[in-house]
Amino acid sequence: MNFPSIYLASRSPRRRELLLQMGVDFSVINPDVDESVFDNELPLDYVSRIAKLKAQTGRGLLLAADKKPVLAADTAVVVDNTILGKPENDEQAISMLKMLSGKTHQVMTAIALAKENSISSLVSVNDVRFTEMKEKDILWYVNTKEGVDKAGGYAVQGLAALFIEHIEGSYSGIMGLPIRETGQLLLTMDDQ
């Protein structure tokens, strides 16, 4: 595949790894955006809005002569229509894992590609079912610190896999950058 050279508006090492896996040439920029959830905002609307905001803000950081597009993404873990962000402390992480225990939840990752005068976006929605976790399992996992700075307080590609019974959808989307959708967006950007 012949992907265009882009900017990645993300601090996530997982997103960088996935782009490298795809063979995409990219440079990282770090736009600072407010990721607060609006009152009554639906999870799908939230991830789409934040991904677009990151891409547009990243595009705004570039010089006018720089025509490379900016790719951004946002991931939300959603259980019972509640968005679980990144835990701020161990207590929040424990609470999140208790909410996920024994249930199927959704992981939504929106990607957005901002060009000079337009923006395109796609969303990957995936189901993840956790086994019933014992209190000691939750405490052990939280103490690994693997879930720090991750939506829902866990990393599907790490030790949390010990508690995942079933995945339906895109594994890379659950990691934070759906490869198929990202490839589609990058390959079709010249058609728009």
N, C-alpha and C. Protein backbone atom coordinates (compact mmCIF):
# COMPACT_ATOMS: atom_id res chain seq x y z
N MET A 1 0.84 -1.19 0.00
CA MET A 1 0.00 0.00 0.00
C MET A 1 0.88 1.24 0.00
N ASN A 2 0.44 2.22 -0.70
CA ASN A 2 1.18 3.47 -0.78
C ASN A 2 0.43 4.56 -0.02
N PHE A 3 0.68 4.63 1.28
CA PHE A 3 0.01 5.62 2.12
C PHE A 3 0.73 6.96 2.03
N PRO A 4 -0.03 8.05 2.16
CA PRO A 4 0.61 9.37 2.17
C PRO A 4 1.36 9.60 3.48
N SER A 5 2.30 10.50 3.45
CA SER A 5 3.00 10.93 4.66
C SER A 5 2.06 11.84 5.44
N ILE A 6 1.99 11.64 6.75
CA ILE A 6 1.02 12.38 7.58
C ILE A 6 1.66 12.85 8.88
N TYR A 7 0.88 13.64 9.61
CA TYR A 7 1.17 13.94 11.01
C TYR A 7 0.20 13.12 11.85
N LEU A 8 0.67 12.60 12.96
CA LEU A 8 -0.17 11.91 13.92
C LEU A 8 -0.34 12.82 15.12
N ALA A 9 -1.58 13.20 15.40
CA ALA A 9 -1.88 14.07 16.53
C ALA A 9 -2.25 13.19 17.73
N SER A 10 -1.24 12.59 18.33
CA SER A 10 -1.47 11.67 19.44
C SER A 10 -0.18 11.46 20.22
N ARG A 11 -0.35 11.28 21.53
CA ARG A 11 0.79 10.94 22.39
C ARG A 11 0.89 9.42 22.59
N SER A 12 -0.04 8.68 22.04
CA SER A 12 -0.14 7.24 22.30
C SER A 12 0.95 6.44 21.60
N PRO A 13 1.77 5.72 22.37
CA PRO A 13 2.76 4.86 21.74
C PRO A 13 2.11 3.71 20.97
N ARG A 14 0.92 3.26 21.39
CA ARG A 14 0.23 2.19 20.68
C ARG A 14 -0.20 2.64 19.28
N ARG A 15 -0.66 3.86 19.16
CA ARG A 15 -1.05 4.36 17.83
C ARG A 15 0.18 4.48 16.93
N ARG A 16 1.29 4.90 17.49
CA ARG A 16 2.53 4.96 16.71
C ARG A 16 2.93 3.58 16.22
N GLU A 17 2.87 2.59 17.11
CA GLU A 17 3.22 1.22 16.75
C GLU A 17 2.33 0.70 15.62
N LEU A 18 1.04 0.99 15.69
CA LEU A 18 0.11 0.50 14.68
C LEU A 18 0.35 1.17 13.32
N LEU A 19 0.66 2.47 13.32
CA LEU A 19 0.99 3.14 12.06
C LEU A 19 2.28 2.58 11.47
N LEU A 20 3.27 2.31 12.31
CA LEU A 20 4.51 1.70 11.83
C LEU A 20 4.23 0.32 11.24
N GLN A 21 3.36 -0.43 11.89
CA GLN A 21 2.97 -1.76 11.39
C GLN A 21 2.35 -1.65 10.00
N MET A 22 1.60 -0.56 9.76
CA MET A 22 0.95 -0.34 8.46
C MET A 22 1.94 0.16 7.40
N GLY A 23 3.10 0.65 7.83
CA GLY A 23 4.08 1.20 6.90
C GLY A 23 3.82 2.66 6.56
N VAL A 24 3.13 3.36 7.44
CA VAL A 24 2.81 4.78 7.22
C VAL A 24 3.98 5.64 7.71
N ASP A 25 4.40 6.59 6.87
CA ASP A 25 5.42 7.57 7.25
C ASP A 25 4.71 8.71 7.98
N PHE A 26 5.14 8.99 9.21
CA PHE A 26 4.45 10.03 9.99
C PHE A 26 5.41 10.74 10.93
N SER A 27 4.99 11.94 11.32
CA SER A 27 5.64 12.71 12.36
C SER A 27 4.58 12.97 13.43
N VAL A 28 5.01 13.07 14.67
CA VAL A 28 4.07 13.26 15.78
C VAL A 28 3.97 14.73 16.14
N ILE A 29 2.73 15.18 16.32
CA ILE A 29 2.46 16.50 16.89
C ILE A 29 1.53 16.29 18.08
N ASN A 30 1.53 17.22 19.00
CA ASN A 30 0.76 17.06 20.23
C ASN A 30 -0.18 18.23 20.48
N PRO A 31 -1.34 18.25 19.82
CA PRO A 31 -2.30 19.32 20.10
C PRO A 31 -2.91 19.11 21.49
N ASP A 32 -3.17 20.20 22.17
CA ASP A 32 -3.77 20.14 23.49
C ASP A 32 -5.25 20.49 23.36
N VAL A 33 -6.13 19.53 23.67
CA VAL A 33 -7.57 19.78 23.56
C VAL A 33 -8.27 19.38 24.85
N ASP A 34 -9.40 20.01 25.10
CA ASP A 34 -10.25 19.68 26.24
C ASP A 34 -11.08 18.45 25.87
N GLU A 35 -10.90 17.36 26.60
CA GLU A 35 -11.59 16.11 26.29
C GLU A 35 -12.80 15.88 27.18
N SER A 36 -13.33 16.94 27.77
CA SER A 36 -14.51 16.81 28.63
C SER A 36 -15.71 16.35 27.82
N VAL A 37 -16.55 15.55 28.48
CA VAL A 37 -17.78 15.08 27.87
C VAL A 37 -18.86 16.14 28.09
N PHE A 38 -19.60 16.47 27.04
CA PHE A 38 -20.71 17.42 27.16
C PHE A 38 -21.89 16.75 27.87
N ASP A 39 -22.72 17.54 28.53
CA ASP A 39 -23.93 17.01 29.15
C ASP A 39 -24.79 16.31 28.10
N ASN A 40 -25.26 15.12 28.41
CA ASN A 40 -26.14 14.33 27.53
C ASN A 40 -25.51 13.94 26.20
N GLU A 41 -24.19 14.01 26.10
CA GLU A 41 -23.51 13.64 24.86
C GLU A 41 -23.43 12.12 24.76
N LEU A 42 -23.86 11.59 23.63
CA LEU A 42 -23.79 10.15 23.41
C LEU A 42 -22.34 9.73 23.16
N PRO A 43 -21.96 8.52 23.59
CA PRO A 43 -20.57 8.07 23.43
C PRO A 43 -20.05 8.15 21.99
N LEU A 44 -20.86 7.74 21.02
CA LEU A 44 -20.42 7.79 19.62
C LEU A 44 -20.16 9.22 19.17
N ASP A 45 -21.03 10.13 19.58
CA ASP A 45 -20.85 11.55 19.25
C ASP A 45 -19.61 12.11 19.93
N TYR A 46 -19.38 11.66 21.16
CA TYR A 46 -18.22 12.13 21.92
C TYR A 46 -16.90 11.76 21.23
N VAL A 47 -16.70 10.46 20.93
CA VAL A 47 -15.42 10.06 20.33
C VAL A 47 -15.22 10.71 18.97
N SER A 48 -16.30 10.86 18.21
CA SER A 48 -16.20 11.52 16.89
C SER A 48 -15.79 12.98 17.05
N ARG A 49 -16.42 13.66 17.99
CA ARG A 49 -16.12 15.08 18.21
C ARG A 49 -14.67 15.28 18.64
N ILE A 50 -14.20 14.45 19.58
CA ILE A 50 -12.85 14.62 20.11
C ILE A 50 -11.80 14.30 19.04
N ALA A 51 -12.02 13.24 18.26
CA ALA A 51 -11.06 12.91 17.20
C ALA A 51 -10.97 14.05 16.19
N LYS A 52 -12.11 14.60 15.79
CA LYS A 52 -12.12 15.72 14.84
C LYS A 52 -11.45 16.95 15.45
N LEU A 53 -11.73 17.20 16.72
CA LEU A 53 -11.14 18.36 17.39
C LEU A 53 -9.60 18.24 17.45
N LYS A 54 -9.11 17.04 17.76
CA LYS A 54 -7.66 16.81 17.81
C LYS A 54 -7.04 17.01 16.42
N ALA A 55 -7.71 16.48 15.39
CA ALA A 55 -7.18 16.62 14.02
C ALA A 55 -7.17 18.07 13.58
N GLN A 56 -8.27 18.79 13.84
CA GLN A 56 -8.35 20.19 13.43
C GLN A 56 -7.37 21.05 14.21
N THR A 57 -7.25 20.80 15.51
CA THR A 57 -6.30 21.55 16.33
C THR A 57 -4.87 21.26 15.88
N GLY A 58 -4.58 20.01 15.58
CA GLY A 58 -3.26 19.64 15.06
C GLY A 58 -2.97 20.32 13.74
N ARG A 59 -3.95 20.36 12.87
CA ARG A 59 -3.80 21.04 11.56
C ARG A 59 -3.48 22.52 11.78
N GLY A 60 -4.11 23.11 12.79
CA GLY A 60 -3.88 24.52 13.10
C GLY A 60 -2.48 24.82 13.60
N LEU A 61 -1.76 23.79 14.05
CA LEU A 61 -0.38 23.98 14.52
C LEU A 61 0.62 24.07 13.38
N LEU A 62 0.19 23.68 12.18
CA LEU A 62 1.11 23.61 11.04
C LEU A 62 1.22 24.95 10.32
N LEU A 63 2.34 25.14 9.66
CA LEU A 63 2.51 26.31 8.80
C LEU A 63 1.60 26.16 7.58
N ALA A 64 1.15 27.27 7.03
CA ALA A 64 0.23 27.25 5.89
C ALA A 64 0.80 26.47 4.70
N ALA A 65 2.10 26.50 4.54
CA ALA A 65 2.73 25.82 3.40
C ALA A 65 2.77 24.29 3.57
N ASP A 66 2.56 23.84 4.79
CA ASP A 66 2.61 22.40 5.07
C ASP A 66 1.26 21.76 4.72
N LYS A 67 1.24 20.95 3.69
CA LYS A 67 0.00 20.37 3.18
C LYS A 67 -0.27 18.96 3.69
N LYS A 68 0.64 18.39 4.50
CA LYS A 68 0.43 17.03 4.97
C LYS A 68 -0.82 16.97 5.86
N PRO A 69 -1.62 15.92 5.70
CA PRO A 69 -2.81 15.79 6.54
C PRO A 69 -2.46 15.39 7.97
N VAL A 70 -3.40 15.62 8.87
CA VAL A 70 -3.22 15.29 10.28
C VAL A 70 -4.24 14.21 10.66
N LEU A 71 -3.73 13.10 11.18
CA LEU A 71 -4.57 12.00 11.65
C LEU A 71 -4.67 12.07 13.16
N ALA A 72 -5.89 11.94 13.66
CA ALA A 72 -6.10 11.91 15.11
C ALA A 72 -7.09 10.79 15.43
N ALA A 73 -7.10 10.37 16.68
CA ALA A 73 -8.02 9.32 17.11
C ALA A 73 -8.43 9.57 18.55
N ASP A 74 -9.59 9.01 18.91
CA ASP A 74 -10.01 9.04 20.30
C ASP A 74 -10.73 7.73 20.59
N THR A 75 -10.45 7.17 21.76
CA THR A 75 -11.04 5.90 22.17
C THR A 75 -11.81 6.07 23.46
N ALA A 76 -13.00 5.48 23.51
CA ALA A 76 -13.79 5.48 24.73
C ALA A 76 -14.25 4.06 25.03
N VAL A 77 -14.17 3.71 26.29
CA VAL A 77 -14.74 2.45 26.78
C VAL A 77 -16.11 2.81 27.33
N VAL A 78 -17.13 2.07 26.87
CA VAL A 78 -18.51 2.41 27.22
C VAL A 78 -19.19 1.19 27.82
N VAL A 79 -19.70 1.35 29.04
CA VAL A 79 -20.46 0.28 29.70
C VAL A 79 -21.76 0.89 30.21
N ASP A 80 -22.86 0.23 29.89
CA ASP A 80 -24.19 0.72 30.28
C ASP A 80 -24.39 2.18 29.87
N ASN A 81 -23.93 2.52 28.67
CA ASN A 81 -24.02 3.86 28.08
C ASN A 81 -23.24 4.93 28.86
N THR A 82 -22.32 4.49 29.71
CA THR A 82 -21.46 5.40 30.48
C THR A 82 -20.06 5.35 29.89
N ILE A 83 -19.50 6.52 29.61
CA ILE A 83 -18.14 6.62 29.08
C ILE A 83 -17.15 6.52 30.23
N LEU A 84 -16.26 5.54 30.13
CA LEU A 84 -15.19 5.42 31.12
C LEU A 84 -13.92 6.02 30.52
N GLY A 85 -13.46 7.08 31.10
CA GLY A 85 -12.24 7.72 30.61
C GLY A 85 -11.02 7.02 31.17
N LYS A 86 -9.96 7.77 31.29
CA LYS A 86 -8.71 7.24 31.86
C LYS A 86 -8.77 7.44 33.37
N PRO A 87 -8.53 6.40 34.16
CA PRO A 87 -8.59 6.56 35.61
C PRO A 87 -7.51 7.53 36.10
N GLU A 88 -7.91 8.37 37.04
CA GLU A 88 -6.97 9.35 37.60
C GLU A 88 -6.20 8.80 38.79
N ASN A 89 -6.69 7.69 39.35
CA ASN A 89 -6.03 7.09 40.50
C ASN A 89 -6.45 5.62 40.61
N ASP A 90 -5.86 4.92 41.58
CA ASP A 90 -6.16 3.49 41.75
C ASP A 90 -7.62 3.25 42.10
N GLU A 91 -8.21 4.12 42.88
CA GLU A 91 -9.62 3.94 43.27
C GLU A 91 -10.52 4.00 42.04
N GLN A 92 -10.26 4.93 41.14
CA GLN A 92 -11.05 5.01 39.91
C GLN A 92 -10.83 3.77 39.04
N ALA A 93 -9.60 3.30 38.97
CA ALA A 93 -9.29 2.11 38.18
C ALA A 93 -10.03 0.90 38.73
N ILE A 94 -10.04 0.75 40.05
CA ILE A 94 -10.76 -0.36 40.69
C ILE A 94 -12.25 -0.27 40.38
N SER A 95 -12.80 0.91 40.51
CA SER A 95 -14.22 1.12 40.23
C SER A 95 -14.57 0.77 38.78
N MET A 96 -13.73 1.19 37.83
CA MET A 96 -13.96 0.90 36.42
C MET A 96 -13.93 -0.60 36.16
N LEU A 97 -12.92 -1.28 36.71
CA LEU A 97 -12.81 -2.72 36.47
C LEU A 97 -13.98 -3.48 37.10
N LYS A 98 -14.48 -3.01 38.22
CA LYS A 98 -15.67 -3.62 38.81
C LYS A 98 -16.88 -3.45 37.89
N MET A 99 -16.97 -2.29 37.24
CA MET A 99 -18.07 -2.05 36.30
C MET A 99 -17.97 -2.97 35.08
N LEU A 100 -16.76 -3.28 34.65
CA LEU A 100 -16.53 -4.10 33.47
C LEU A 100 -16.63 -5.60 33.76
N SER A 101 -16.40 -5.98 35.01
CA SER A 101 -16.36 -7.38 35.40
C SER A 101 -17.66 -8.11 35.07
N GLY A 102 -17.53 -9.23 34.33
CA GLY A 102 -18.67 -10.06 34.01
C GLY A 102 -19.62 -9.48 32.98
N LYS A 103 -19.22 -8.43 32.31
CA LYS A 103 -20.11 -7.76 31.35
C LYS A 103 -19.43 -7.60 29.99
N THR A 104 -20.29 -7.37 29.00
CA THR A 104 -19.81 -6.96 27.68
C THR A 104 -19.90 -5.45 27.62
N HIS A 105 -18.82 -4.84 27.19
CA HIS A 105 -18.82 -3.39 27.01
C HIS A 105 -18.37 -3.08 25.59
N GLN A 106 -18.51 -1.83 25.21
CA GLN A 106 -18.07 -1.41 23.88
C GLN A 106 -16.82 -0.55 23.98
N VAL A 107 -15.96 -0.72 22.99
CA VAL A 107 -14.81 0.16 22.82
C VAL A 107 -15.00 0.86 21.49
N MET A 108 -15.13 2.17 21.55
CA MET A 108 -15.35 2.99 20.36
C MET A 108 -14.10 3.80 20.08
N THR A 109 -13.58 3.66 18.88
CA THR A 109 -12.45 4.47 18.47
C THR A 109 -12.81 5.22 17.21
N ALA A 110 -12.78 6.54 17.30
CA ALA A 110 -13.01 7.39 16.14
C ALA A 110 -11.66 7.85 15.62
N ILE A 111 -11.55 7.91 14.29
CA ILE A 111 -10.36 8.47 13.66
C ILE A 111 -10.80 9.62 12.78
N ALA A 112 -9.97 10.62 12.69
CA ALA A 112 -10.27 11.78 11.85
C ALA A 112 -9.01 12.18 11.10
N LEU A 113 -9.19 12.56 9.85
CA LEU A 113 -8.08 13.00 9.01
C LEU A 113 -8.39 14.41 8.52
N ALA A 114 -7.61 15.37 8.99
CA ALA A 114 -7.81 16.78 8.62
C ALA A 114 -6.83 17.15 7.52
N LYS A 115 -7.41 17.64 6.43
CA LYS A 115 -6.59 18.17 5.34
C LYS A 115 -6.72 19.69 5.38
N GLU A 116 -6.17 20.33 4.38
CA GLU A 116 -6.14 21.79 4.36
C GLU A 116 -7.53 22.41 4.53
N ASN A 117 -8.53 21.91 3.82
CA ASN A 117 -9.86 22.52 3.87
C ASN A 117 -10.98 21.55 4.16
N SER A 118 -10.65 20.35 4.65
CA SER A 118 -11.71 19.38 4.91
C SER A 118 -11.28 18.40 5.99
N ILE A 119 -12.26 17.68 6.50
CA ILE A 119 -11.98 16.64 7.50
C ILE A 119 -12.88 15.45 7.22
N SER A 120 -12.30 14.26 7.35
CA SER A 120 -13.04 13.02 7.17
C SER A 120 -12.88 12.20 8.43
N SER A 121 -13.90 11.40 8.75
CA SER A 121 -13.79 10.58 9.95
C SER A 121 -14.55 9.27 9.80
N LEU A 122 -14.14 8.30 10.59
CA LEU A 122 -14.77 6.99 10.67
C LEU A 122 -14.73 6.55 12.13
N VAL A 123 -15.64 5.63 12.49
CA VAL A 123 -15.67 5.11 13.85
C VAL A 123 -15.67 3.58 13.82
N SER A 124 -14.88 2.99 14.68
CA SER A 124 -14.84 1.54 14.88
C SER A 124 -15.50 1.24 16.23
N VAL A 125 -16.54 0.41 16.21
CA VAL A 125 -17.25 0.04 17.44
C VAL A 125 -17.07 -1.46 17.65
N ASN A 126 -16.56 -1.83 18.82
CA ASN A 126 -16.18 -3.21 19.11
C ASN A 126 -16.72 -3.64 20.47
N ASP A 127 -17.02 -4.93 20.60
CA ASP A 127 -17.51 -5.47 21.87
C ASP A 127 -16.42 -6.28 22.55
N VAL A 128 -16.30 -6.10 23.86
CA VAL A 128 -15.34 -6.84 24.66
C VAL A 128 -16.07 -7.38 25.88
N ARG A 129 -15.94 -8.67 26.13
CA ARG A 129 -16.55 -9.27 27.32
C ARG A 129 -15.48 -9.68 28.31
N PHE A 130 -15.61 -9.14 29.53
CA PHE A 130 -14.71 -9.51 30.62
C PHE A 130 -15.31 -10.68 31.40
N THR A 131 -14.47 -11.55 31.90
CA THR A 131 -14.89 -12.59 32.82
C THR A 131 -15.27 -11.93 34.15
N GLU A 132 -15.92 -12.67 35.00
CA GLU A 132 -16.20 -12.18 36.35
C GLU A 132 -14.87 -12.11 37.09
N MET A 133 -14.47 -10.91 37.46
CA MET A 133 -13.18 -10.72 38.13
C MET A 133 -13.35 -10.72 39.64
N LYS A 134 -12.48 -11.45 40.31
CA LYS A 134 -12.49 -11.45 41.77
C LYS A 134 -11.81 -10.16 42.25
N GLU A 135 -12.11 -9.78 43.46
CA GLU A 135 -11.51 -8.58 44.06
C GLU A 135 -9.98 -8.65 44.00
N LYS A 136 -9.42 -9.82 44.33
CA LYS A 136 -7.96 -9.95 44.32
C LYS A 136 -7.40 -9.80 42.92
N ASP A 137 -8.17 -10.23 41.88
CA ASP A 137 -7.72 -10.08 40.49
C ASP A 137 -7.68 -8.60 40.11
N ILE A 138 -8.71 -7.89 40.51
CA ILE A 138 -8.79 -6.46 40.20
C ILE A 138 -7.63 -5.72 40.87
N LEU A 139 -7.40 -6.00 42.14
CA LEU A 139 -6.31 -5.33 42.87
C LEU A 139 -4.96 -5.68 42.27
N TRP A 140 -4.76 -6.95 41.90
CA TRP A 140 -3.51 -7.34 41.25
C TRP A 140 -3.30 -6.55 39.97
N TYR A 141 -4.36 -6.50 39.13
CA TYR A 141 -4.22 -5.81 37.84
C TYR A 141 -3.95 -4.32 38.04
N VAL A 142 -4.66 -3.68 38.93
CA VAL A 142 -4.45 -2.25 39.18
C VAL A 142 -3.03 -2.01 39.65
N ASN A 143 -2.50 -2.90 40.47
CA ASN A 143 -1.13 -2.76 40.98
C ASN A 143 -0.06 -2.95 39.90
N THR A 144 -0.41 -3.56 38.77
CA THR A 144 0.56 -3.67 37.67
C THR A 144 0.80 -2.32 37.01
N LYS A 145 -0.13 -1.38 37.20
CA LYS A 145 -0.07 -0.03 36.61
C LYS A 145 -0.20 -0.04 35.08
N GLU A 146 -0.55 -1.19 34.51
CA GLU A 146 -0.71 -1.29 33.07
C GLU A 146 -1.87 -0.43 32.54
N GLY A 147 -2.91 -0.28 33.35
CA GLY A 147 -4.10 0.46 32.91
C GLY A 147 -4.01 1.97 33.08
N VAL A 148 -2.88 2.46 33.60
CA VAL A 148 -2.70 3.90 33.76
C VAL A 148 -2.72 4.56 32.38
N ASP A 149 -3.42 5.64 32.25
CA ASP A 149 -3.48 6.42 31.00
C ASP A 149 -4.15 5.65 29.86
N LYS A 150 -5.07 4.74 30.21
CA LYS A 150 -5.80 3.99 29.19
C LYS A 150 -7.29 4.06 29.49
N ALA A 151 -8.07 4.29 28.44
CA ALA A 151 -9.53 4.36 28.59
C ALA A 151 -10.04 3.07 29.22
N GLY A 152 -10.89 3.21 30.23
CA GLY A 152 -11.44 2.04 30.91
C GLY A 152 -10.51 1.41 31.91
N GLY A 153 -9.27 1.89 31.98
CA GLY A 153 -8.32 1.40 32.97
C GLY A 153 -7.68 0.07 32.63
N TYR A 154 -7.69 -0.31 31.33
CA TYR A 154 -7.04 -1.57 30.96
C TYR A 154 -6.44 -1.49 29.56
N ALA A 155 -5.51 -2.42 29.29
CA ALA A 155 -4.88 -2.52 27.98
C ALA A 155 -5.16 -3.91 27.42
N VAL A 156 -5.92 -3.97 26.33
CA VAL A 156 -6.30 -5.26 25.74
C VAL A 156 -5.08 -6.06 25.31
N GLN A 157 -4.01 -5.37 24.91
CA GLN A 157 -2.82 -6.05 24.39
C GLN A 157 -1.86 -6.48 25.51
N GLY A 158 -2.25 -6.28 26.75
CA GLY A 158 -1.37 -6.62 27.86
C GLY A 158 -1.96 -7.68 28.77
N LEU A 159 -1.70 -7.53 30.04
CA LEU A 159 -2.13 -8.50 31.04
C LEU A 159 -3.65 -8.58 31.20
N ALA A 160 -4.36 -7.54 30.80
CA ALA A 160 -5.82 -7.56 30.89
C ALA A 160 -6.41 -8.69 30.05
N ALA A 161 -5.67 -9.17 29.07
CA ALA A 161 -6.14 -10.28 28.23
C ALA A 161 -6.46 -11.51 29.08
N LEU A 162 -5.88 -11.62 30.25
CA LEU A 162 -6.19 -12.72 31.16
C LEU A 162 -7.65 -12.74 31.57
N PHE A 163 -8.32 -11.59 31.47
CA PHE A 163 -9.70 -11.47 31.93
C PHE A 163 -10.71 -11.28 30.79
N ILE A 164 -10.24 -11.32 29.56
CA ILE A 164 -11.13 -11.08 28.42
C ILE A 164 -11.59 -12.43 27.86
N GLU A 165 -12.91 -12.63 27.89
CA GLU A 165 -13.50 -13.88 27.40
C GLU A 165 -13.76 -13.84 25.90
N HIS A 166 -14.15 -12.67 25.40
CA HIS A 166 -14.59 -12.61 24.01
C HIS A 166 -14.40 -11.20 23.45
N ILE A 167 -13.98 -11.15 22.21
CA ILE A 167 -13.86 -9.88 21.48
C ILE A 167 -14.61 -10.03 20.17
N GLU A 168 -15.41 -9.04 19.85
CA GLU A 168 -16.06 -9.01 18.55
C GLU A 168 -15.75 -7.67 17.91
N GLY A 169 -15.04 -7.71 16.79
CA GLY A 169 -14.69 -6.47 16.11
C GLY A 169 -13.20 -6.37 15.86
N SER A 170 -12.70 -5.16 15.87
CA SER A 170 -11.32 -4.86 15.51
C SER A 170 -10.42 -4.82 16.74
N TYR A 171 -9.47 -5.76 16.79
CA TYR A 171 -8.50 -5.77 17.90
C TYR A 171 -7.70 -4.47 17.91
N SER A 172 -7.24 -4.02 16.73
CA SER A 172 -6.47 -2.78 16.68
C SER A 172 -7.34 -1.58 17.05
N GLY A 173 -8.64 -1.65 16.75
CA GLY A 173 -9.56 -0.59 17.17
C GLY A 173 -9.67 -0.51 18.67
N ILE A 174 -9.65 -1.66 19.33
CA ILE A 174 -9.69 -1.69 20.79
C ILE A 174 -8.38 -1.14 21.35
N MET A 175 -7.28 -1.37 20.66
CA MET A 175 -5.98 -0.83 21.08
C MET A 175 -5.92 0.69 20.93
N GLY A 176 -6.73 1.24 20.01
CA GLY A 176 -6.76 2.70 19.87
C GLY A 176 -6.58 3.24 18.47
N LEU A 177 -6.39 2.36 17.47
CA LEU A 177 -6.29 2.82 16.08
C LEU A 177 -6.70 1.68 15.15
N PRO A 178 -7.96 1.69 14.71
CA PRO A 178 -8.41 0.60 13.85
C PRO A 178 -7.69 0.62 12.50
N ILE A 179 -6.89 -0.41 12.25
CA ILE A 179 -6.04 -0.44 11.06
C ILE A 179 -6.85 -0.38 9.77
N ARG A 180 -7.90 -1.19 9.67
CA ARG A 180 -8.68 -1.22 8.43
C ARG A 180 -9.27 0.14 8.13
N GLU A 181 -9.93 0.75 9.10
CA GLU A 181 -10.56 2.06 8.90
C GLU A 181 -9.52 3.14 8.62
N THR A 182 -8.38 3.07 9.32
CA THR A 182 -7.32 4.05 9.09
C THR A 182 -6.79 3.93 7.67
N GLY A 183 -6.57 2.70 7.22
CA GLY A 183 -6.13 2.48 5.85
C GLY A 183 -7.12 3.01 4.83
N GLN A 184 -8.40 2.76 5.06
CA GLN A 184 -9.45 3.27 4.17
C GLN A 184 -9.39 4.79 4.06
N LEU A 185 -9.30 5.42 5.23
CA LEU A 185 -9.28 6.90 5.25
C LEU A 185 -8.05 7.45 4.53
N LEU A 186 -6.89 6.85 4.76
CA LEU A 186 -5.67 7.34 4.12
C LEU A 186 -5.66 7.09 2.62
N LEU A 187 -6.20 5.94 2.20
CA LEU A 187 -6.18 5.61 0.77
C LEU A 187 -7.22 6.37 -0.03
N THR A 188 -8.28 6.81 0.60
CA THR A 188 -9.35 7.51 -0.13
C THR A 188 -9.24 9.03 -0.01
N MET A 189 -8.23 9.52 0.68
CA MET A 189 -8.17 10.96 0.92
C MET A 189 -8.01 11.77 -0.38
N ASP A 190 -7.39 11.20 -1.39
CA ASP A 190 -7.23 11.92 -2.65
C ASP A 190 -8.49 11.90 -3.51
N ASP A 191 -9.44 11.01 -3.16
CA ASP A 191 -10.68 10.90 -3.92
C ASP A 191 -11.71 11.96 -3.52
N GLN A 192 -11.45 12.67 -2.44
CA GLN A 192 -12.46 13.59 -1.92
C GLN A 192 -12.29 14.98 -2.49
